[in-house]
């Protein structure tokens, strides 16, 4: 029996598995301290999966992400999850069993997120893997009631870094901001202006950057920006200031406000100021759309959770998309799609270690106790033992505190250095 969502309506599932809801709620959340989001706060709404139904011997999982919400959608994440399921089954299954991947579109609403979580429970999914929703406070309590692990969420809510059933594969926005501060220092910045949301969440963003810059004696100029503004000209003017040599501006904004800021920034004359942000606020598609090597992002710095798109660590992702989702728009440079890929590597390897006797309890026990899992170089090896977790009240489930430094050269993101940078000390001190 399908349980009802929090709105009291039963999600209608199409043959393709997309829940359809007429009602949409506006995107109105910036996340609180500890799991802030610089990338736009997103969600997903609707559930389903491949047309063929699961059998009692299948291993069932779910991936949720927003599609058709009118906000920043992540349809590529569910497309990749479906492709991974097809590849696993085409190559013999996992632990001798077929992998049934449900995909769920929660339409960027709390009701949709609840409907997805309820369907995961009803389908007896043993995990929700590689997903994207801003409604973690809605989803995770439902999953916790059945002990269903949430593996590799994008990190858009505090619950994803606090829930005992959450297994984050990246360091969320705190690690990006801490890393961004260290990247600015390594790139020779001597003064820094921080354009960030004029919100409580923005206040905390500033604290992570400030802590990272402090060892070099840099006190950032704080420039709060109104979230709903359509013109950031005055903000950009303040950020550039006198355009002194070695001056840097970092845009700690969500994706849409970042593009509004870029529109203003590129219209202003400046010679020395360098631009910086984090992957998710802008990424390769934004570089392409704003003029590539001749656009405002030429030479810009960016901090990411993962290696750049051209890295061989994404060969498997590219091959899976090519062979099992040839008509999709899976973008290997998208950090959401990369997160889905990493999360499934964790899940598949853990299930393979368990063998045929895998269920919710054995999976969660393995995640809590097993030796580190390799993600093929996309992240450092990951494990969620007590000794691996961050000593932080805000983000106790955070285990991956490493980031990469990238820059835009010849219109493409490339790595500034071929290694991960661990910012655990910044996160611990800042919290």
Protein backbone atom coordinates (compact mmCIF):
# COMPACT_ATOMS: atom_id res chain seq x y z
CA UNK A 1 0.00 0.00 0.00
CA UNK A 2 1.38 3.41 -0.93
CA UNK A 3 1.54 5.74 2.05
CA UNK A 4 0.41 9.33 1.76
CA UNK A 5 2.71 12.31 1.58
CA UNK A 6 2.55 15.09 4.16
CA UNK A 7 0.12 16.96 1.91
CA UNK A 8 -2.35 14.10 2.33
CA UNK A 9 -2.39 13.22 -1.35
CA UNK A 10 -1.17 10.03 -2.95
CA UNK A 11 1.62 10.59 -5.49
CA UNK A 12 0.58 9.41 -8.94
CA UNK A 13 3.42 7.49 -10.56
CA UNK A 14 3.77 7.43 -14.33
CA UNK A 15 5.21 4.48 -16.25
CA UNK A 16 8.52 6.34 -16.28
CA UNK A 17 8.26 6.76 -12.54
CA UNK A 18 7.77 10.51 -12.26
CA UNK A 19 5.37 11.67 -9.56
CA UNK A 20 3.20 14.47 -10.82
CA UNK A 21 1.99 17.24 -8.54
CA UNK A 22 0.15 20.34 -9.60
CA UNK A 23 1.14 22.20 -6.47
CA UNK A 24 4.58 23.81 -6.22
CA UNK A 25 6.03 25.66 -3.26
CA UNK A 26 8.45 28.51 -3.87
CA UNK A 27 12.14 27.87 -3.31
CA UNK A 28 12.63 29.74 -0.07
CA UNK A 29 15.28 28.11 2.04
CA UNK A 30 18.86 28.94 2.63
CA UNK A 31 20.30 26.39 4.94
CA UNK A 32 21.30 26.98 8.48
CA UNK A 33 24.76 26.86 10.04
CA UNK A 34 26.89 23.79 9.52
CA UNK A 35 25.41 22.65 6.22
CA UNK A 36 24.91 25.85 4.30
CA UNK A 37 24.52 25.78 0.60
CA UNK A 38 26.30 28.07 -1.79
CA UNK A 39 24.86 26.12 -4.71
CA UNK A 40 21.18 27.02 -4.98
CA UNK A 41 18.98 25.36 -2.38
CA UNK A 42 17.24 22.73 -4.39
CA UNK A 43 14.85 19.84 -4.01
CA UNK A 44 13.16 17.10 -6.01
CA UNK A 45 9.57 15.91 -6.32
CA UNK A 46 8.15 12.64 -7.62
CA UNK A 47 8.92 8.96 -7.44
CA UNK A 48 9.24 5.92 -9.61
CA UNK A 49 11.74 3.88 -11.51
CA UNK A 50 12.17 1.71 -14.57
CA UNK A 51 8.97 0.28 -16.04
CA UNK A 52 9.87 -3.25 -14.91
CA UNK A 53 8.81 -3.86 -11.32
CA UNK A 54 11.07 -5.12 -8.58
CA UNK A 55 10.87 -8.72 -7.39
CA UNK A 56 11.36 -10.06 -3.89
CA UNK A 57 14.94 -11.03 -4.64
CA UNK A 58 15.96 -7.61 -5.98
CA UNK A 59 18.02 -5.10 -4.07
CA UNK A 60 16.00 -1.88 -4.22
CA UNK A 61 17.39 1.64 -3.79
CA UNK A 62 16.12 5.12 -4.56
CA UNK A 63 17.64 8.34 -5.92
CA UNK A 64 15.68 11.58 -5.64
CA UNK A 65 16.43 14.91 -7.32
CA UNK A 66 14.43 17.88 -8.67
CA UNK A 67 13.07 17.85 -12.21
CA UNK A 68 10.79 20.40 -13.87
CA UNK A 69 10.46 22.45 -10.69
CA UNK A 70 11.32 25.76 -12.30
CA UNK A 71 14.22 26.10 -9.86
CA UNK A 72 17.68 24.62 -10.31
CA UNK A 73 16.81 21.11 -11.43
CA UNK A 74 19.03 18.02 -11.24
CA UNK A 75 17.46 15.59 -13.68
CA UNK A 76 20.91 14.30 -14.59
CA UNK A 77 21.32 12.79 -11.13
CA UNK A 78 18.32 10.49 -11.45
CA UNK A 79 19.26 9.77 -15.07
CA UNK A 80 22.70 8.64 -13.94
CA UNK A 81 21.25 6.52 -11.13
CA UNK A 82 19.00 4.76 -13.63
CA UNK A 83 21.97 4.23 -15.97
CA UNK A 84 24.04 2.75 -13.14
CA UNK A 85 21.22 0.32 -12.35
CA UNK A 86 21.03 -0.73 -15.99
CA UNK A 87 24.78 -1.25 -16.14
CA UNK A 88 24.86 -3.31 -12.94
CA UNK A 89 22.08 -5.58 -14.21
CA UNK A 90 23.59 -5.89 -17.68
CA UNK A 91 26.85 -7.08 -16.15
CA UNK A 92 25.46 -9.74 -13.82
CA UNK A 93 23.82 -7.84 -11.00
CA UNK A 94 25.27 -7.28 -7.55
CA UNK A 95 25.97 -10.07 -5.08
CA UNK A 96 24.04 -12.34 -7.41
CA UNK A 97 20.92 -10.18 -7.30
CA UNK A 98 19.31 -7.62 -9.56
CA UNK A 99 19.55 -3.93 -8.61
CA UNK A 100 16.22 -2.11 -8.83
CA UNK A 101 16.72 1.68 -8.92
CA UNK A 102 13.72 3.84 -8.13
CA UNK A 103 13.99 7.47 -9.21
CA UNK A 104 11.94 10.14 -7.51
CA UNK A 105 11.22 13.74 -8.48
CA UNK A 106 10.13 15.66 -5.37
CA UNK A 107 9.39 18.88 -7.25
CA UNK A 108 11.33 21.01 -4.77
CA UNK A 109 8.58 20.83 -2.14
CA UNK A 110 8.40 19.40 1.35
CA UNK A 111 5.33 17.40 0.30
CA UNK A 112 7.16 15.94 -2.66
CA UNK A 113 10.19 15.06 -0.54
CA UNK A 114 7.94 13.32 1.97
CA UNK A 115 6.26 11.37 -0.84
CA UNK A 116 9.65 10.21 -2.09
CA UNK A 117 10.74 9.11 1.37
CA UNK A 118 7.45 7.29 1.92
CA UNK A 119 7.79 5.46 -1.39
CA UNK A 120 11.32 4.39 -0.45
CA UNK A 121 9.88 2.89 2.73
CA UNK A 122 6.97 1.21 0.95
CA UNK A 123 9.27 -0.24 -1.72
CA UNK A 124 11.51 -1.65 1.03
CA UNK A 125 14.50 0.22 -0.35
CA UNK A 126 17.67 -0.58 1.57
CA UNK A 127 19.16 2.86 0.87
CA UNK A 128 18.54 6.25 -0.72
CA UNK A 129 21.67 6.95 -2.76
CA UNK A 130 23.21 10.00 -4.45
CA UNK A 131 20.26 12.33 -3.96
CA UNK A 132 19.54 16.04 -3.95
CA UNK A 133 16.91 17.77 -1.85
CA UNK A 134 16.75 20.81 0.37
CA UNK A 135 14.13 19.08 2.53
CA UNK A 136 16.42 16.86 4.57
CA UNK A 137 14.49 17.73 7.71
CA UNK A 138 11.45 16.12 6.06
CA UNK A 139 13.12 13.13 4.41
CA UNK A 140 15.53 11.91 7.05
CA UNK A 141 13.07 11.41 9.93
CA UNK A 142 10.99 9.16 7.65
CA UNK A 143 14.07 7.12 6.69
CA UNK A 144 15.32 7.01 10.27
CA UNK A 145 12.05 5.37 11.31
CA UNK A 146 13.04 2.34 9.21
CA UNK A 147 16.82 2.66 9.55
CA UNK A 148 17.25 3.32 5.82
CA UNK A 149 20.69 4.83 5.07
CA UNK A 150 20.89 8.14 3.19
CA UNK A 151 24.16 7.70 1.26
CA UNK A 152 25.74 10.64 -0.51
CA UNK A 153 23.20 13.40 -0.26
CA UNK A 154 24.31 16.69 -1.82
CA UNK A 155 24.52 18.27 1.64
CA UNK A 156 21.82 20.93 1.55
CA UNK A 157 20.56 20.65 5.11
CA UNK A 158 21.93 20.32 8.61
CA UNK A 159 20.16 16.96 8.98
CA UNK A 160 22.41 15.44 6.31
CA UNK A 161 25.42 16.13 8.53
CA UNK A 162 23.73 15.17 11.82
CA UNK A 163 21.43 12.22 11.23
CA UNK A 164 22.86 8.85 12.36
CA UNK A 165 21.43 7.36 9.15
CA UNK A 166 23.22 9.86 6.87
CA UNK A 167 26.51 9.04 5.15
CA UNK A 168 27.71 12.20 3.34
CA UNK A 169 30.41 11.69 0.72
CA UNK A 170 31.43 15.35 0.46
CA UNK A 171 32.06 18.10 2.99
CA UNK A 172 29.09 20.26 2.06
CA UNK A 173 29.39 24.00 1.76
CA UNK A 174 31.48 24.40 4.95
CA UNK A 175 34.39 22.53 3.36
CA UNK A 176 34.04 24.49 0.11
CA UNK A 177 34.14 27.83 1.92
CA UNK A 178 37.04 26.81 4.14
CA UNK A 179 38.87 25.52 1.09
CA UNK A 180 38.11 28.65 -0.87
CA UNK A 181 39.85 30.75 1.78
CA UNK A 182 42.94 28.56 1.60
CA UNK A 183 42.87 28.64 -2.21
CA UNK A 184 42.81 32.44 -2.25
CA UNK A 185 45.91 32.53 -0.07
CA UNK A 186 47.69 29.95 -2.21
CA UNK A 187 46.82 32.01 -5.32
CA UNK A 188 48.52 35.11 -3.95
CA UNK A 189 45.52 37.12 -2.80
CA UNK A 190 46.46 39.76 -0.24
CA UNK A 191 43.05 41.33 0.21
CA UNK A 192 39.66 39.64 -0.11
CA UNK A 193 36.10 40.89 -0.45
CA UNK A 194 33.34 38.38 0.29
CA UNK A 195 29.97 38.81 -1.41
CA UNK A 196 27.54 36.65 0.52
CA UNK A 197 23.80 36.47 1.25
CA UNK A 198 22.48 39.02 3.73
CA UNK A 199 21.09 36.25 5.92
CA UNK A 200 21.97 34.33 9.05
CA UNK A 201 23.28 31.55 6.82
CA UNK A 202 25.47 34.13 5.09
CA UNK A 203 26.89 35.16 8.45
CA UNK A 204 28.11 31.61 9.00
CA UNK A 205 29.54 31.41 5.48
CA UNK A 206 31.68 34.42 6.35
CA UNK A 207 32.93 32.71 9.52
CA UNK A 208 34.35 29.74 7.58
CA UNK A 209 36.12 31.97 5.08
CA UNK A 210 37.44 34.25 7.80
CA UNK A 211 38.87 31.33 9.77
CA UNK A 212 40.63 30.01 6.67
CA UNK A 213 42.14 33.43 5.85
CA UNK A 214 43.18 34.29 9.40
CA UNK A 215 46.62 32.57 9.41
CA UNK A 216 47.72 34.92 6.62
CA UNK A 217 46.50 38.00 8.42
CA UNK A 218 43.74 38.70 5.90
CA UNK A 219 40.49 40.08 7.29
CA UNK A 220 37.90 39.87 4.51
CA UNK A 221 35.72 42.81 3.58
CA UNK A 222 32.18 41.67 4.27
CA UNK A 223 29.64 42.62 1.58
CA UNK A 224 26.15 41.29 2.41
CA UNK A 225 23.98 41.11 -0.72
CA UNK A 226 20.16 41.03 -0.73
CA UNK A 227 19.07 37.64 -2.02
CA UNK A 228 16.18 38.80 -4.19
CA UNK A 229 17.97 41.67 -5.93
CA UNK A 230 18.07 41.69 -9.73
CA UNK A 231 20.88 44.26 -9.90
CA UNK A 232 24.17 43.78 -8.05
CA UNK A 233 25.99 46.75 -9.61
CA UNK A 234 26.56 48.52 -6.30
CA UNK A 235 27.60 45.23 -4.71
CA UNK A 236 30.14 44.56 -7.46
CA UNK A 237 31.50 48.12 -7.19
CA UNK A 238 32.08 47.68 -3.46
CA UNK A 239 33.66 44.26 -4.03
CA UNK A 240 36.16 45.56 -6.61
CA UNK A 241 36.91 48.67 -4.55
CA UNK A 242 40.13 50.38 -5.66
CA UNK A 243 41.10 47.39 -7.83
CA UNK A 244 44.46 47.03 -6.15
CA UNK A 245 46.97 44.35 -7.22
CA UNK A 246 46.46 40.98 -5.52
CA UNK A 247 42.86 41.86 -4.66
CA UNK A 248 40.36 39.00 -4.89
CA UNK A 249 36.58 38.79 -4.75
CA UNK A 250 34.84 35.59 -3.72
CA UNK A 251 31.14 35.22 -4.47
CA UNK A 252 29.61 33.05 -1.74
CA UNK A 253 26.14 33.14 -3.28
CA UNK A 254 23.64 30.62 -4.62
CA UNK A 255 23.80 29.78 -8.32
CA UNK A 256 21.20 32.26 -9.62
CA UNK A 257 22.42 35.24 -7.56
CA UNK A 258 25.98 34.39 -8.62
CA UNK A 259 24.99 34.86 -12.26
CA UNK A 260 23.27 38.14 -11.38
CA UNK A 261 26.48 39.24 -9.70
CA UNK A 262 28.54 38.17 -12.73
CA UNK A 263 26.35 40.28 -15.00
CA UNK A 264 27.23 43.35 -12.93
CA UNK A 265 30.87 42.38 -12.38
CA UNK A 266 31.72 42.02 -16.07
CA UNK A 267 30.30 45.46 -16.89
CA UNK A 268 32.69 47.20 -14.50
CA UNK A 269 36.24 48.17 -15.37
CA UNK A 270 38.90 46.39 -13.35
CA UNK A 271 42.45 45.32 -14.08
CA UNK A 272 43.86 43.55 -11.04
CA UNK A 273 40.87 42.03 -9.22
CA UNK A 274 40.51 38.25 -9.51
CA UNK A 275 37.19 36.47 -9.12
CA UNK A 276 36.59 33.34 -7.05
CA UNK A 277 33.71 31.14 -5.95
CA UNK A 278 32.91 27.48 -5.40
CA UNK A 279 31.80 24.76 -7.79
CA UNK A 280 28.03 24.74 -7.74
CA UNK A 281 27.73 28.52 -7.60
CA UNK A 282 29.30 28.38 -11.03
CA UNK A 283 30.57 25.47 -13.06
CA UNK A 284 31.65 24.66 -16.61
CA UNK A 285 28.23 25.31 -18.10
CA UNK A 286 28.25 28.84 -16.65
CA UNK A 287 31.76 29.47 -18.01
CA UNK A 288 30.55 28.39 -21.45
CA UNK A 289 27.40 30.53 -21.24
CA UNK A 290 29.29 33.67 -20.22
CA UNK A 291 31.86 33.69 -22.99
CA UNK A 292 34.38 31.01 -22.08
CA UNK A 293 37.98 32.21 -22.30
CA UNK A 294 36.87 35.78 -23.08
CA UNK A 295 34.14 35.97 -20.44
CA UNK A 296 34.16 37.29 -16.86
CA UNK A 297 35.18 33.90 -15.48
CA UNK A 298 38.45 33.76 -17.41
CA UNK A 299 41.14 33.15 -14.81
CA UNK A 300 38.61 32.69 -12.01
CA UNK A 301 39.37 30.42 -9.06
CA UNK A 302 36.99 27.75 -7.80
CA UNK A 303 37.01 25.28 -4.93
CA UNK A 304 35.41 21.88 -5.50
CA UNK A 305 34.82 18.64 -3.66
CA UNK A 306 36.15 16.61 -6.57
CA UNK A 307 38.77 16.57 -9.35
CA UNK A 308 37.98 18.56 -12.49
CA UNK A 309 35.81 17.17 -15.29
CA UNK A 310 38.74 16.10 -17.47
CA UNK A 311 40.20 13.84 -14.77
CA UNK A 312 40.35 10.13 -15.52
CA UNK A 313 38.50 9.46 -12.25
CA UNK A 314 35.31 10.27 -14.19
CA UNK A 315 35.98 7.80 -17.03
CA UNK A 316 33.53 5.30 -15.54
CA UNK A 317 30.87 7.97 -15.20
CA UNK A 318 31.33 9.04 -18.82
CA UNK A 319 31.25 5.45 -20.08
CA UNK A 320 28.13 4.62 -18.07
CA UNK A 321 26.32 7.70 -19.40
CA UNK A 322 27.41 6.91 -22.96
CA UNK A 323 26.49 3.25 -22.92
CA UNK A 324 23.37 3.20 -20.73
CA UNK A 325 21.87 6.69 -21.08
CA UNK A 326 22.90 7.87 -24.56
CA UNK A 327 19.90 10.17 -24.97
CA UNK A 328 20.20 11.86 -21.56
CA UNK A 329 21.77 15.17 -20.63
CA UNK A 330 24.14 13.80 -17.99
CA UNK A 331 26.85 16.43 -17.56
CA UNK A 332 30.02 14.92 -16.00
CA UNK A 333 31.10 18.39 -14.85
CA UNK A 334 28.01 18.85 -12.68
CA UNK A 335 28.83 18.40 -8.96
CA UNK A 336 25.43 16.84 -8.33
CA UNK A 337 26.02 14.16 -10.96
CA UNK A 338 29.52 13.60 -9.61
CA UNK A 339 28.06 13.19 -6.12
CA UNK A 340 25.60 10.59 -7.39
CA UNK A 341 28.46 8.68 -9.02
CA UNK A 342 30.56 8.72 -5.85
CA UNK A 343 27.62 7.68 -3.67
CA UNK A 344 26.89 4.66 -5.86
CA UNK A 345 30.54 3.61 -5.74
CA UNK A 346 30.27 3.56 -1.96
CA UNK A 347 26.98 1.67 -2.03
CA UNK A 348 28.03 -0.94 -4.61
CA UNK A 349 31.34 -1.71 -2.96
CA UNK A 350 29.73 -2.03 0.46
CA UNK A 351 27.08 -4.43 -0.86
CA UNK A 352 29.74 -6.48 -2.63
CA UNK A 353 31.61 -6.81 0.67
CA UNK A 354 28.44 -8.04 2.36
CA UNK A 355 27.63 -10.69 -0.24
CA UNK A 356 24.16 -12.21 -0.63
CA UNK A 357 22.96 -11.47 2.92
CA UNK A 358 22.40 -7.75 2.45
CA UNK A 359 19.52 -5.87 4.02
CA UNK A 360 18.97 -2.50 5.69
CA UNK A 361 20.53 -3.54 8.99
CA UNK A 362 23.58 -5.25 7.55
CA UNK A 363 24.18 -2.37 5.15
CA UNK A 364 24.05 0.27 7.85
CA UNK A 365 26.22 -1.80 10.18
CA UNK A 366 28.80 -2.19 7.41
CA UNK A 367 28.79 1.56 6.69
CA UNK A 368 29.31 2.26 10.40
CA UNK A 369 32.18 -0.15 10.90
CA UNK A 370 33.91 -1.07 7.63
CA UNK A 371 37.36 -0.03 6.48
CA UNK A 372 37.53 2.91 4.07
CA UNK A 373 35.90 2.49 0.66
CA UNK A 374 37.75 3.63 -2.46
CA UNK A 375 35.89 5.93 -4.85
CA UNK A 376 38.47 5.57 -7.58
CA UNK A 377 40.21 8.82 -6.72
CA UNK A 378 37.10 11.02 -6.87
CA UNK A 379 37.49 11.52 -3.11
CA UNK A 380 39.88 10.24 -0.49
CA UNK A 381 38.83 6.77 0.76
CA UNK A 382 35.62 7.13 2.78
CA UNK A 383 34.46 5.56 6.02
CA UNK A 384 32.02 6.55 8.76
CA UNK A 385 33.56 5.01 11.83
CA UNK A 386 33.42 7.14 14.96
CA UNK A 387 37.10 7.98 14.64
CA UNK A 388 36.56 9.34 11.10
CA UNK A 389 33.94 11.93 11.95
CA UNK A 390 34.43 15.65 12.40
CA UNK A 391 34.65 16.94 15.97
CA UNK A 392 31.80 19.37 15.39
CA UNK A 393 28.42 19.85 17.00
CA UNK A 394 27.04 21.26 13.74
CA UNK A 395 28.34 18.53 11.40
CA UNK A 396 29.23 15.38 13.35
CA UNK A 397 28.58 13.08 10.36
CA UNK A 398 31.03 14.92 8.10
CA UNK A 399 33.97 12.66 7.27
CA UNK A 400 35.33 14.03 3.99
CA UNK A 401 37.00 17.38 4.71
CA UNK A 402 39.07 17.46 1.53
CA UNK A 403 38.65 19.80 -1.44
CA UNK A 404 40.36 20.53 -4.75
CA UNK A 405 41.58 23.84 -6.14
CA UNK A 406 40.57 24.64 -9.71
CA UNK A 407 40.88 27.61 -12.06
CA UNK A 408 39.45 28.61 -15.43
CA UNK A 409 42.14 28.43 -18.12
CA UNK A 410 41.37 28.74 -21.84
CA UNK A 411 37.70 28.54 -21.01
CA UNK A 412 37.95 25.25 -19.07
CA UNK A 413 38.16 24.35 -15.41
CA UNK A 414 41.51 22.73 -14.65
CA UNK A 415 43.13 21.71 -11.40
CA UNK A 416 45.59 24.16 -9.90
CA UNK A 417 47.26 21.29 -8.10
CA UNK A 418 46.82 17.55 -8.45
CA UNK A 419 46.02 16.65 -4.89
CA UNK A 420 43.33 17.05 -2.28
CA UNK A 421 43.62 19.77 0.34
CA UNK A 422 42.32 18.80 3.80
CA UNK A 423 40.58 21.67 5.62
CA UNK A 424 39.50 19.72 8.70
CA UNK A 425 41.37 22.09 11.01
CA UNK A 426 39.40 25.06 9.64
CA UNK A 427 36.06 23.32 10.10
CA UNK A 428 36.87 22.15 13.61
CA UNK A 429 38.04 25.57 14.75
CA UNK A 430 35.21 27.41 13.04
CA UNK A 431 32.61 25.26 14.75
